[in-house]
Amino acid sequence: RFKCDYCTYKSIKRTKLQHHIHKNHLNHLSALSVEETTIDKRFGQYVSKKNLNWFECKYPKCKYGTIRSDAIVRHMRTHTGEKPYKCRFENCDYKTIQSSTLKKHESKHTTR
């Protein structure tokens, strides 16, 4: 469960806690704006993006951001269409954004 630091509110969903804090306790966030904060998924607490290595998507109208450099690289591929992982099996043109998805795909070739 994710607990609000400012009241007794609890939620089983991190996103609901995030919405609750933004709606009810923004003044408790040291006057930081919604855009300047994010939730630390490890602890379910709000933190300033300035205290993190924060990576934001630069595509217009995309609000994606993360503290993980690998996640922003993978996310950017959704915009560029880049699919660097290619199936190694003959006559298969499958390509994907993530290596884990490729492993799952290739297992279908071997279980037939």
PDB file of N, CA and C in Angstrom:
ATOM      1  N   ARG A   1       0.837  -1.200   0.000  1.00  0.00           N
ATOM      2  CA  ARG A   1       0.000   0.000   0.000  1.00  0.00           C
ATOM      3  C   ARG A   1       0.869   1.247   0.000  1.00  0.00           C
ATOM      4  N   PHE A   2       0.341   2.292  -0.616  1.00  0.00           N
ATOM      5  CA  PHE A   2       1.041   3.561  -0.684  1.00  0.00           C
ATOM      6  C   PHE A   2       0.338   4.550   0.237  1.00  0.00           C
ATOM      7  N   LYS A   3       1.101   5.134   1.157  1.00  0.00           N
ATOM      8  CA  LYS A   3       0.542   6.012   2.174  1.00  0.00           C
ATOM      9  C   LYS A   3       0.918   7.461   1.899  1.00  0.00           C
ATOM     10  N   CYS A   4      -0.060   8.325   2.060  1.00  0.00           N
ATOM     11  CA  CYS A   4       0.174   9.755   1.935  1.00  0.00           C
ATOM     12  C   CYS A   4       0.974  10.239   3.143  1.00  0.00           C
ATOM     13  N   ASP A   5       1.984  11.067   2.903  1.00  0.00           N
ATOM     14  CA  ASP A   5       2.799  11.617   3.986  1.00  0.00           C
ATOM     15  C   ASP A   5       2.102  12.752   4.727  1.00  0.00           C
ATOM     16  N   TYR A   6       0.986  13.240   4.190  1.00  0.00           N
ATOM     17  CA  TYR A   6       0.363  14.437   4.728  1.00  0.00           C
ATOM     18  C   TYR A   6      -0.984  14.197   5.398  1.00  0.00           C
ATOM     19  N   CYS A   7      -1.538  12.995   5.243  1.00  0.00           N
ATOM     20  CA  CYS A   7      -2.812  12.669   5.880  1.00  0.00           C
ATOM     21  C   CYS A   7      -2.922  11.146   5.995  1.00  0.00           C
ATOM     22  N   THR A   8      -4.082  10.652   6.335  1.00  0.00           N
ATOM     23  CA  THR A   8      -4.263   9.213   6.546  1.00  0.00           C
ATOM     24  C   THR A   8      -4.619   8.449   5.275  1.00  0.00           C
ATOM     25  N   TYR A   9      -4.654   9.131   4.148  1.00  0.00           N
ATOM     26  CA  TYR A   9      -5.016   8.488   2.882  1.00  0.00           C
ATOM     27  C   TYR A   9      -4.031   7.375   2.532  1.00  0.00           C
ATOM     28  N   LYS A  10      -4.589   6.241   2.071  1.00  0.00           N
ATOM     29  CA  LYS A  10      -3.783   5.116   1.598  1.00  0.00           C
ATOM     30  C   LYS A  10      -4.401   4.595   0.314  1.00  0.00           C
ATOM     31  N   SER A  11      -3.566   4.030  -0.533  1.00  0.00           N
ATOM     32  CA  SER A  11      -4.067   3.468  -1.782  1.00  0.00           C
ATOM     33  C   SER A  11      -3.217   2.273  -2.178  1.00  0.00           C
ATOM     34  N   ILE A  12      -3.833   1.330  -2.854  1.00  0.00           N
ATOM     35  CA  ILE A  12      -3.059   0.200  -3.363  1.00  0.00           C
ATOM     36  C   ILE A  12      -2.414   0.554  -4.698  1.00  0.00           C
ATOM     37  N   LYS A  13      -2.832   1.681  -5.285  1.00  0.00           N
ATOM     38  CA  LYS A  13      -2.265   2.118  -6.561  1.00  0.00           C
ATOM     39  C   LYS A  13      -1.451   3.393  -6.368  1.00  0.00           C
ATOM     40  N   ARG A  14      -0.237   3.361  -6.862  1.00  0.00           N
ATOM     41  CA  ARG A  14       0.666   4.504  -6.776  1.00  0.00           C
ATOM     42  C   ARG A  14       0.090   5.722  -7.503  1.00  0.00           C
ATOM     43  N   THR A  15      -0.530   5.486  -8.648  1.00  0.00           N
ATOM     44  CA  THR A  15      -1.072   6.599  -9.431  1.00  0.00           C
ATOM     45  C   THR A  15      -2.211   7.305  -8.704  1.00  0.00           C
ATOM     46  N   LYS A  16      -2.992   6.550  -7.933  1.00  0.00           N
ATOM     47  CA  LYS A  16      -4.081   7.176  -7.166  1.00  0.00           C
ATOM     48  C   LYS A  16      -3.511   8.046  -6.048  1.00  0.00           C
ATOM     49  N   LEU A  17      -2.430   7.573  -5.405  1.00  0.00           N
ATOM     50  CA  LEU A  17      -1.774   8.390  -4.386  1.00  0.00           C
ATOM     51  C   LEU A  17      -1.223   9.664  -5.020  1.00  0.00           C
ATOM     52  N   GLN A  18      -0.614   9.522  -6.172  1.00  0.00           N
ATOM     53  CA  GLN A  18      -0.056  10.667  -6.882  1.00  0.00           C
ATOM     54  C   GLN A  18      -1.150  11.705  -7.151  1.00  0.00           C
ATOM     55  N   HIS A  19      -2.272  11.254  -7.663  1.00  0.00           N
ATOM     56  CA  HIS A  19      -3.392  12.158  -7.940  1.00  0.00           C
ATOM     57  C   HIS A  19      -3.887  12.811  -6.645  1.00  0.00           C
ATOM     58  N   HIS A  20      -4.013  12.032  -5.591  1.00  0.00           N
ATOM     59  CA  HIS A  20      -4.471  12.542  -4.299  1.00  0.00           C
ATOM     60  C   HIS A  20      -3.563  13.665  -3.800  1.00  0.00           C
ATOM     61  N   ILE A  21      -2.264  13.442  -3.831  1.00  0.00           N
ATOM     62  CA  ILE A  21      -1.332  14.453  -3.325  1.00  0.00           C
ATOM     63  C   ILE A  21      -1.392  15.714  -4.174  1.00  0.00           C
ATOM     64  N   HIS A  22      -1.409  15.556  -5.470  1.00  0.00           N
ATOM     65  CA  HIS A  22      -1.488  16.736  -6.336  1.00  0.00           C
ATOM     66  C   HIS A  22      -2.762  17.525  -6.078  1.00  0.00           C
ATOM     67  N   LYS A  23      -3.860  16.822  -5.865  1.00  0.00           N
ATOM     68  CA  LYS A  23      -5.155  17.480  -5.683  1.00  0.00           C
ATOM     69  C   LYS A  23      -5.292  18.119  -4.301  1.00  0.00           C
ATOM     70  N   ASN A  24      -4.764  17.445  -3.271  1.00  0.00           N
ATOM     71  CA  ASN A  24      -5.038  17.868  -1.900  1.00  0.00           C
ATOM     72  C   ASN A  24      -3.881  18.498  -1.138  1.00  0.00           C
ATOM     73  N   HIS A  25      -2.656  18.251  -1.546  1.00  0.00           N
ATOM     74  CA  HIS A  25      -1.520  18.666  -0.719  1.00  0.00           C
ATOM     75  C   HIS A  25      -0.417  19.388  -1.475  1.00  0.00           C
ATOM     76  N   LEU A  26      -0.719  19.979  -2.581  1.00  0.00           N
ATOM     77  CA  LEU A  26       0.333  20.618  -3.367  1.00  0.00           C
ATOM     78  C   LEU A  26       1.103  21.643  -2.540  1.00  0.00           C
ATOM     79  N   ASN A  27       0.415  22.327  -1.622  1.00  0.00           N
ATOM     80  CA  ASN A  27       1.096  23.316  -0.784  1.00  0.00           C
ATOM     81  C   ASN A  27       2.123  22.672   0.150  1.00  0.00           C
ATOM     82  N   HIS A  28       1.996  21.397   0.446  1.00  0.00           N
ATOM     83  CA  HIS A  28       2.964  20.694   1.297  1.00  0.00           C
ATOM     84  C   HIS A  28       4.243  20.342   0.546  1.00  0.00           C
ATOM     85  N   LEU A  29       4.236  20.532  -0.733  1.00  0.00           N
ATOM     86  CA  LEU A  29       5.399  20.163  -1.538  1.00  0.00           C
ATOM     87  C   LEU A  29       6.347  21.347  -1.711  1.00  0.00           C
ATOM     88  N   SER A  30       6.424  22.187  -0.683  1.00  0.00           N
ATOM     89  CA  SER A  30       7.326  23.345  -0.686  1.00  0.00           C
ATOM     90  C   SER A  30       7.089  24.230  -1.904  1.00  0.00           C
ATOM     91  N   ALA A  31       5.842  24.406  -2.241  1.00  0.00           N
ATOM     92  CA  ALA A  31       5.435  25.260  -3.356  1.00  0.00           C
ATOM     93  C   ALA A  31       5.986  24.806  -4.698  1.00  0.00           C
ATOM     94  N   LEU A  32       6.368  23.547  -4.814  1.00  0.00           N
ATOM     95  CA  LEU A  32       6.800  23.019  -6.103  1.00  0.00           C
ATOM     96  C   LEU A  32       5.571  22.816  -6.968  1.00  0.00           C
ATOM     97  N   SER A  33       5.689  23.074  -8.225  1.00  0.00           N
ATOM     98  CA  SER A  33       4.562  22.849  -9.120  1.00  0.00           C
ATOM     99  C   SER A  33       4.442  21.366  -9.431  1.00  0.00           C
ATOM    100  N   VAL A  34       3.315  20.983  -9.975  1.00  0.00           N
ATOM    101  CA  VAL A  34       3.086  19.596 -10.362  1.00  0.00           C
ATOM    102  C   VAL A  34       4.171  19.134 -11.326  1.00  0.00           C
ATOM    103  N   GLU A  35       4.577  20.014 -12.245  1.00  0.00           N
ATOM    104  CA  GLU A  35       5.580  19.652 -13.244  1.00  0.00           C
ATOM    105  C   GLU A  35       6.959  19.437 -12.633  1.00  0.00           C
ATOM    106  N   GLU A  36       7.202  19.984 -11.457  1.00  0.00           N
ATOM    107  CA  GLU A  36       8.524  19.874 -10.832  1.00  0.00           C
ATOM    108  C   GLU A  36       8.648  18.676  -9.899  1.00  0.00           C
ATOM    109  N   THR A  37       7.577  17.902  -9.767  1.00  0.00           N
ATOM    110  CA  THR A  37       7.615  16.766  -8.851  1.00  0.00           C
ATOM    111  C   THR A  37       7.332  15.464  -9.583  1.00  0.00           C
ATOM    112  N   THR A  38       7.762  14.396  -8.967  1.00  0.00           N
ATOM    113  CA  THR A  38       7.450  13.061  -9.460  1.00  0.00           C
ATOM    114  C   THR A  38       7.361  12.147  -8.251  1.00  0.00           C
ATOM    115  N   ILE A  39       6.818  10.973  -8.456  1.00  0.00           N
ATOM    116  CA  ILE A  39       6.726  10.026  -7.354  1.00  0.00           C
ATOM    117  C   ILE A  39       7.907   9.073  -7.424  1.00  0.00           C
ATOM    118  N   ASP A  40       8.553   8.858  -6.288  1.00  0.00           N
ATOM    119  CA  ASP A  40       9.657   7.905  -6.206  1.00  0.00           C
ATOM    120  C   ASP A  40       9.024   6.534  -6.039  1.00  0.00           C
ATOM    121  N   LYS A  41       9.090   5.704  -7.065  1.00  0.00           N
ATOM    122  CA  LYS A  41       8.388   4.423  -7.069  1.00  0.00           C
ATOM    123  C   LYS A  41       8.903   3.470  -6.002  1.00  0.00           C
ATOM    124  N   ARG A  42      10.116   3.684  -5.541  1.00  0.00           N
ATOM    125  CA  ARG A  42      10.654   2.792  -4.504  1.00  0.00           C
ATOM    126  C   ARG A  42       9.929   2.981  -3.184  1.00  0.00           C
ATOM    127  N   PHE A  43       9.516   4.237  -2.898  1.00  0.00           N
ATOM    128  CA  PHE A  43       8.934   4.529  -1.599  1.00  0.00           C
ATOM    129  C   PHE A  43       7.518   5.075  -1.663  1.00  0.00           C
ATOM    130  N   GLY A  44       7.015   5.351  -2.870  1.00  0.00           N
ATOM    131  CA  GLY A  44       5.672   5.895  -2.994  1.00  0.00           C
ATOM    132  C   GLY A  44       5.557   7.306  -2.462  1.00  0.00           C
ATOM    133  N   GLN A  45       6.644   8.079  -2.547  1.00  0.00           N
ATOM    134  CA  GLN A  45       6.638   9.440  -2.033  1.00  0.00           C
ATOM    135  C   GLN A  45       6.988  10.418  -3.145  1.00  0.00           C
ATOM    136  N   TYR A  46       6.517  11.654  -2.980  1.00  0.00           N
ATOM    137  CA  TYR A  46       6.850  12.689  -3.948  1.00  0.00           C
ATOM    138  C   TYR A  46       8.238  13.229  -3.685  1.00  0.00           C
ATOM    139  N   VAL A  47       8.943  13.508  -4.757  1.00  0.00           N
ATOM    140  CA  VAL A  47      10.268  14.113  -4.658  1.00  0.00           C
ATOM    141  C   VAL A  47      10.392  15.164  -5.756  1.00  0.00           C
ATOM    142  N   SER A  48      11.308  16.066  -5.561  1.00  0.00           N
ATOM    143  CA  SER A  48      11.579  17.069  -6.581  1.00  0.00           C
ATOM    144  C   SER A  48      12.384  16.441  -7.704  1.00  0.00           C
ATOM    145  N   LYS A  49      12.016  16.743  -8.947  1.00  0.00           N
ATOM    146  CA  LYS A  49      12.772  16.227 -10.089  1.00  0.00           C
ATOM    147  C   LYS A  49      14.198  16.766 -10.087  1.00  0.00           C
ATOM    148  N   LYS A  50      14.394  17.915  -9.459  1.00  0.00           N
ATOM    149  CA  LYS A  50      15.730  18.506  -9.407  1.00  0.00           C
ATOM    150  C   LYS A  50      16.691  17.644  -8.595  1.00  0.00           C
ATOM    151  N   ASN A  51      16.169  16.842  -7.679  1.00  0.00           N
ATOM    152  CA  ASN A  51      17.013  15.983  -6.850  1.00  0.00           C
ATOM    153  C   ASN A  51      17.305  14.646  -7.505  1.00  0.00           C
ATOM    154  N   LEU A  52      16.780  14.430  -8.688  1.00  0.00           N
ATOM    155  CA  LEU A  52      16.968  13.171  -9.406  1.00  0.00           C
ATOM    156  C   LEU A  52      17.663  13.441 -10.724  1.00  0.00           C
ATOM    157  N   ASN A  53      18.223  12.422 -11.310  1.00  0.00           N
ATOM    158  CA  ASN A  53      18.651  12.517 -12.700  1.00  0.00           C
ATOM    159  C   ASN A  53      17.398  12.243 -13.515  1.00  0.00           C
ATOM    160  N   TRP A  54      16.686  13.278 -13.889  1.00  0.00           N
ATOM    161  CA  TRP A  54      15.378  13.156 -14.532  1.00  0.00           C
ATOM    162  C   TRP A  54      15.528  13.265 -16.037  1.00  0.00           C
ATOM    163  N   PHE A  55      14.980  12.304 -16.761  1.00  0.00           N
ATOM    164  CA  PHE A  55      15.035  12.286 -18.216  1.00  0.00           C
ATOM    165  C   PHE A  55      13.629  12.498 -18.756  1.00  0.00           C
ATOM    166  N   GLU A  56      13.458  13.514 -19.596  1.00  0.00           N
ATOM    167  CA  GLU A  56      12.146  13.797 -20.170  1.00  0.00           C
ATOM    168  C   GLU A  56      12.154  13.580 -21.670  1.00  0.00           C
ATOM    169  N   CYS A  57      11.038  13.094 -22.171  1.00  0.00           N
ATOM    170  CA  CYS A  57      10.867  12.943 -23.610  1.00  0.00           C
ATOM    171  C   CYS A  57      10.788  14.333 -24.234  1.00  0.00           C
ATOM    172  N   LYS A  58      11.500  14.513 -25.320  1.00  0.00           N
ATOM    173  CA  LYS A  58      11.553  15.824 -25.976  1.00  0.00           C
ATOM    174  C   LYS A  58      10.530  15.975 -27.100  1.00  0.00           C
ATOM    175  N   TYR A  59       9.750  14.930 -27.347  1.00  0.00           N
ATOM    176  CA  TYR A  59       8.755  15.020 -28.418  1.00  0.00           C
ATOM    177  C   TYR A  59       7.589  15.905 -27.976  1.00  0.00           C
ATOM    178  N   PRO A  60       7.110  16.773 -28.877  1.00  0.00           N
ATOM    179  CA  PRO A  60       5.997  17.665 -28.535  1.00  0.00           C
ATOM    180  C   PRO A  60       4.775  16.880 -28.049  1.00  0.00           C
ATOM    181  N   LYS A  61       4.141  17.393 -27.039  1.00  0.00           N
ATOM    182  CA  LYS A  61       2.916  16.846 -26.449  1.00  0.00           C
ATOM    183  C   LYS A  61       3.115  15.523 -25.717  1.00  0.00           C
ATOM    184  N   CYS A  62       4.342  15.029 -25.616  1.00  0.00           N
ATOM    185  CA  CYS A  62       4.594  13.794 -24.866  1.00  0.00           C
ATOM    186  C   CYS A  62       5.073  14.179 -23.479  1.00  0.00           C
ATOM    187  N   LYS A  63       4.421  13.655 -22.471  1.00  0.00           N
ATOM    188  CA  LYS A  63       4.736  14.017 -21.097  1.00  0.00           C
ATOM    189  C   LYS A  63       5.557  12.949 -20.371  1.00  0.00           C
ATOM    190  N   TYR A  64       6.099  11.987 -21.113  1.00  0.00           N
ATOM    191  CA  TYR A  64       6.835  10.896 -20.482  1.00  0.00           C
ATOM    192  C   TYR A  64       8.124  11.403 -19.846  1.00  0.00           C
ATOM    193  N   GLY A  65       8.394  10.921 -18.643  1.00  0.00           N
ATOM    194  CA  GLY A  65       9.637  11.213 -17.950  1.00  0.00           C
ATOM    195  C   GLY A  65       9.995  10.049 -17.055  1.00  0.00           C
ATOM    196  N   THR A  66      11.279   9.900 -16.747  1.00  0.00           N
ATOM    197  CA  THR A  66      11.730   8.775 -15.939  1.00  0.00           C
ATOM    198  C   THR A  66      13.075   9.097 -15.305  1.00  0.00           C
ATOM    199  N   ILE A  67      13.433   8.358 -14.271  1.00  0.00           N
ATOM    200  CA  ILE A  67      14.761   8.506 -13.680  1.00  0.00           C
ATOM    201  C   ILE A  67      15.718   7.477 -14.266  1.00  0.00           C
ATOM    202  N   ARG A  68      15.219   6.605 -15.130  1.00  0.00           N
ATOM    203  CA  ARG A  68      16.048   5.540 -15.702  1.00  0.00           C
ATOM    204  C   ARG A  68      16.461   5.882 -17.128  1.00  0.00           C
ATOM    205  N   SER A  69      17.760   5.945 -17.356  1.00  0.00           N
ATOM    206  CA  SER A  69      18.259   6.296 -18.690  1.00  0.00           C
ATOM    207  C   SER A  69      17.898   5.224 -19.717  1.00  0.00           C
ATOM    208  N   ASP A  70      17.886   3.957 -19.316  1.00  0.00           N
ATOM    209  CA  ASP A  70      17.516   2.893 -20.258  1.00  0.00           C
ATOM    210  C   ASP A  70      16.043   2.992 -20.651  1.00  0.00           C
ATOM    211  N   ALA A  71      15.217   3.429 -19.731  1.00  0.00           N
ATOM    212  CA  ALA A  71      13.784   3.548 -20.016  1.00  0.00           C
ATOM    213  C   ALA A  71      13.507   4.685 -20.999  1.00  0.00           C
ATOM    214  N   ILE A  72      14.252   5.781 -20.902  1.00  0.00           N
ATOM    215  CA  ILE A  72      14.016   6.881 -21.844  1.00  0.00           C
ATOM    216  C   ILE A  72      14.478   6.486 -23.240  1.00  0.00           C
ATOM    217  N   VAL A  73      15.559   5.720 -23.338  1.00  0.00           N
ATOM    218  CA  VAL A  73      16.028   5.237 -24.648  1.00  0.00           C
ATOM    219  C   VAL A  73      14.961   4.352 -25.279  1.00  0.00           C
ATOM    220  N   ARG A  74      14.424   3.431 -24.496  1.00  0.00           N
ATOM    221  CA  ARG A  74      13.378   2.527 -24.989  1.00  0.00           C
ATOM    222  C   ARG A  74      12.123   3.316 -25.372  1.00  0.00           C
ATOM    223  N   HIS A  75      11.756   4.281 -24.541  1.00  0.00           N
ATOM    224  CA  HIS A  75      10.580   5.100 -24.832  1.00  0.00           C
ATOM    225  C   HIS A  75      10.742   5.875 -26.134  1.00  0.00           C
ATOM    226  N   MET A  76      11.910   6.448 -26.354  1.00  0.00           N
ATOM    227  CA  MET A  76      12.140   7.244 -27.564  1.00  0.00           C
ATOM    228  C   MET A  76      11.923   6.410 -28.820  1.00  0.00           C
ATOM    229  N   ARG A  77      12.171   5.126 -28.726  1.00  0.00           N
ATOM    230  CA  ARG A  77      11.957   4.238 -29.873  1.00  0.00           C
ATOM    231  C   ARG A  77      10.486   4.170 -30.268  1.00  0.00           C
ATOM    232  N   THR A  78       9.584   4.436 -29.335  1.00  0.00           N
ATOM    233  CA  THR A  78       8.163   4.436 -29.692  1.00  0.00           C
ATOM    234  C   THR A  78       7.853   5.606 -30.625  1.00  0.00           C
ATOM    235  N   HIS A  79       8.633   6.662 -30.533  1.00  0.00           N
ATOM    236  CA  HIS A  79       8.452   7.815 -31.419  1.00  0.00           C
ATOM    237  C   HIS A  79       9.197   7.644 -32.738  1.00  0.00           C
ATOM    238  N   THR A  80      10.401   7.105 -32.668  1.00  0.00           N
ATOM    239  CA  THR A  80      11.239   7.012 -33.872  1.00  0.00           C
ATOM    240  C   THR A  80      10.916   5.798 -34.724  1.00  0.00           C
ATOM    241  N   GLY A  81      10.285   4.790 -34.108  1.00  0.00           N
ATOM    242  CA  GLY A  81       9.988   3.562 -34.839  1.00  0.00           C
ATOM    243  C   GLY A  81      11.170   2.607 -34.911  1.00  0.00           C
ATOM    244  N   GLU A  82      12.273   2.978 -34.262  1.00  0.00           N
ATOM    245  CA  GLU A  82      13.461   2.121 -34.273  1.00  0.00           C
ATOM    246  C   GLU A  82      13.164   0.804 -33.559  1.00  0.00           C
ATOM    247  N   LYS A  83      13.528  -0.289 -34.198  1.00  0.00           N
ATOM    248  CA  LYS A  83      13.374  -1.626 -33.617  1.00  0.00           C
ATOM    249  C   LYS A  83      14.701  -2.361 -33.814  1.00  0.00           C
ATOM    250  N   PRO A  84      15.634  -2.178 -32.901  1.00  0.00           N
ATOM    251  CA  PRO A  84      16.986  -2.700 -33.092  1.00  0.00           C
ATOM    252  C   PRO A  84      17.141  -4.202 -32.864  1.00  0.00           C
ATOM    253  N   TYR A  85      16.164  -4.847 -32.268  1.00  0.00           N
ATOM    254  CA  TYR A  85      16.280  -6.278 -31.974  1.00  0.00           C
ATOM    255  C   TYR A  85      15.539  -7.081 -33.035  1.00  0.00           C
ATOM    256  N   LYS A  86      16.310  -7.885 -33.779  1.00  0.00           N
ATOM    257  CA  LYS A  86      15.765  -8.639 -34.919  1.00  0.00           C
ATOM    258  C   LYS A  86      15.814 -10.135 -34.644  1.00  0.00           C
ATOM    259  N   CYS A  87      14.777 -10.825 -35.065  1.00  0.00           N
ATOM    260  CA  CYS A  87      14.709 -12.275 -34.899  1.00  0.00           C
ATOM    261  C   CYS A  87      15.833 -12.933 -35.694  1.00  0.00           C
ATOM    262  N   ARG A  88      16.505 -13.891 -35.066  1.00  0.00           N
ATOM    263  CA  ARG A  88      17.652 -14.558 -35.699  1.00  0.00           C
ATOM    264  C   ARG A  88      17.236 -15.760 -36.539  1.00  0.00           C
ATOM    265  N   PHE A  89      15.957 -16.100 -36.530  1.00  0.00           N
ATOM    266  CA  PHE A  89      15.499 -17.267 -37.274  1.00  0.00           C
ATOM    267  C   PHE A  89      15.251 -16.918 -38.741  1.00  0.00           C
ATOM    268  N   GLU A  90      15.639 -17.841 -39.589  1.00  0.00           N
ATOM    269  CA  GLU A  90      15.522 -17.664 -41.036  1.00  0.00           C
ATOM    270  C   GLU A  90      14.059 -17.455 -41.441  1.00  0.00           C
ATOM    271  N   ASN A  91      13.856 -16.596 -42.402  1.00  0.00           N
ATOM    272  CA  ASN A  91      12.528 -16.279 -42.945  1.00  0.00           C
ATOM    273  C   ASN A  91      11.593 -15.603 -41.942  1.00  0.00           C
ATOM    274  N   CYS A  92      12.139 -15.040 -40.886  1.00  0.00           N
ATOM    275  CA  CYS A  92      11.311 -14.309 -39.920  1.00  0.00           C
ATOM    276  C   CYS A  92      11.777 -12.855 -39.910  1.00  0.00           C
ATOM    277  N   ASP A  93      10.862 -11.958 -40.166  1.00  0.00           N
ATOM    278  CA  ASP A  93      11.187 -10.534 -40.240  1.00  0.00           C
ATOM    279  C   ASP A  93      10.848  -9.774 -38.957  1.00  0.00           C
ATOM    280  N   TYR A  94      10.565 -10.486 -37.885  1.00  0.00           N
ATOM    281  CA  TYR A  94      10.150  -9.843 -36.641  1.00  0.00           C
ATOM    282  C   TYR A  94      11.255  -8.941 -36.089  1.00  0.00           C
ATOM    283  N   LYS A  95      10.851  -7.722 -35.672  1.00  0.00           N
ATOM    284  CA  LYS A  95      11.753  -6.760 -35.032  1.00  0.00           C
ATOM    285  C   LYS A  95      11.003  -6.156 -33.852  1.00  0.00           C
ATOM    286  N   THR A  96      11.756  -5.727 -32.848  1.00  0.00           N
ATOM    287  CA  THR A  96      11.118  -5.160 -31.672  1.00  0.00           C
ATOM    288  C   THR A  96      12.002  -4.110 -30.996  1.00  0.00           C
ATOM    289  N   ILE A  97      11.401  -3.389 -30.082  1.00  0.00           N
ATOM    290  CA  ILE A  97      12.071  -2.322 -29.336  1.00  0.00           C
ATOM    291  C   ILE A  97      12.908  -2.887 -28.187  1.00  0.00           C
ATOM    292  N   GLN A  98      12.444  -3.987 -27.569  1.00  0.00           N
ATOM    293  CA  GLN A  98      13.086  -4.512 -26.366  1.00  0.00           C
ATOM    294  C   GLN A  98      13.660  -5.902 -26.575  1.00  0.00           C
ATOM    295  N   SER A  99      14.799  -6.149 -25.950  1.00  0.00           N
ATOM    296  CA  SER A  99      15.421  -7.471 -26.061  1.00  0.00           C
ATOM    297  C   SER A  99      14.570  -8.542 -25.379  1.00  0.00           C
ATOM    298  N   SER A 100      13.900  -8.184 -24.289  1.00  0.00           N
ATOM    299  CA  SER A 100      13.073  -9.167 -23.582  1.00  0.00           C
ATOM    300  C   SER A 100      11.902  -9.630 -24.448  1.00  0.00           C
ATOM    301  N   THR A 101      11.348  -8.726 -25.232  1.00  0.00           N
ATOM    302  CA  THR A 101      10.260  -9.083 -26.139  1.00  0.00           C
ATOM    303  C   THR A 101      10.765 -10.004 -27.240  1.00  0.00           C
ATOM    304  N   LEU A 102      11.984  -9.759 -27.704  1.00  0.00           N
ATOM    305  CA  LEU A 102      12.578 -10.615 -28.730  1.00  0.00           C
ATOM    306  C   LEU A 102      12.780 -12.032 -28.193  1.00  0.00           C
ATOM    307  N   LYS A 103      13.266 -12.152 -26.966  1.00  0.00           N
ATOM    308  CA  LYS A 103      13.472 -13.485 -26.370  1.00  0.00           C
ATOM    309  C   LYS A 103      12.157 -14.254 -26.313  1.00  0.00           C
ATOM    310  N   LYS A 104      11.106 -13.564 -25.914  1.00  0.00           N
ATOM    311  CA  LYS A 104       9.787 -14.196 -25.846  1.00  0.00           C
ATOM    312  C   LYS A 104       9.337 -14.648 -27.240  1.00  0.00           C
ATOM    313  N   HIS A 105       9.550 -13.787 -28.230  1.00  0.00           N
ATOM    314  CA  HIS A 105       9.184 -14.122 -29.608  1.00  0.00           C
ATOM    315  C   HIS A 105       9.973 -15.331 -30.100  1.00  0.00           C
ATOM    316  N   GLU A 106      11.283 -15.316 -29.910  1.00  0.00           N
ATOM    317  CA  GLU A 106      12.127 -16.396 -30.423  1.00  0.00           C
ATOM    318  C   GLU A 106      11.815 -17.738 -29.768  1.00  0.00           C
ATOM    319  N   SER A 107      11.310 -17.703 -28.555  1.00  0.00           N
ATOM    320  CA  SER A 107      10.948 -18.964 -27.897  1.00  0.00           C
ATOM    321  C   SER A 107       9.806 -19.661 -28.634  1.00  0.00           C
ATOM    322  N   LYS A 108       8.993 -18.912 -29.350  1.00  0.00           N
ATOM    323  CA  LYS A 108       7.904 -19.505 -30.135  1.00  0.00           C
ATOM    324  C   LYS A 108       8.446 -20.353 -31.277  1.00  0.00           C
ATOM    325  N   HIS A 109       9.604 -19.979 -31.808  1.00  0.00           N
ATOM    326  CA  HIS A 109      10.225 -20.750 -32.884  1.00  0.00           C
ATOM    327  C   HIS A 109      10.714 -22.110 -32.381  1.00  0.00           C
ATOM    328  N   THR A 110      11.160 -22.154 -31.159  1.00  0.00           N
ATOM    329  CA  THR A 110      11.760 -23.383 -30.627  1.00  0.00           C
ATOM    330  C   THR A 110      10.752 -24.314 -29.971  1.00  0.00           C
ATOM    331  N   THR A 111       9.552 -23.831 -29.676  1.00  0.00           N
ATOM    332  CA  THR A 111       8.551 -24.673 -29.008  1.00  0.00           C
ATOM    333  C   THR A 111       7.538 -25.266 -29.972  1.00  0.00           C
ATOM    334  N   ARG A 112       7.751 -25.091 -31.247  1.00  0.00           N
ATOM    335  CA  ARG A 112       6.789 -25.606 -32.237  1.00  0.00           C
ATOM    336  C   ARG A 112       6.990 -27.060 -32.494  1.00  0.00           C
TER     337      ARG A 112
END
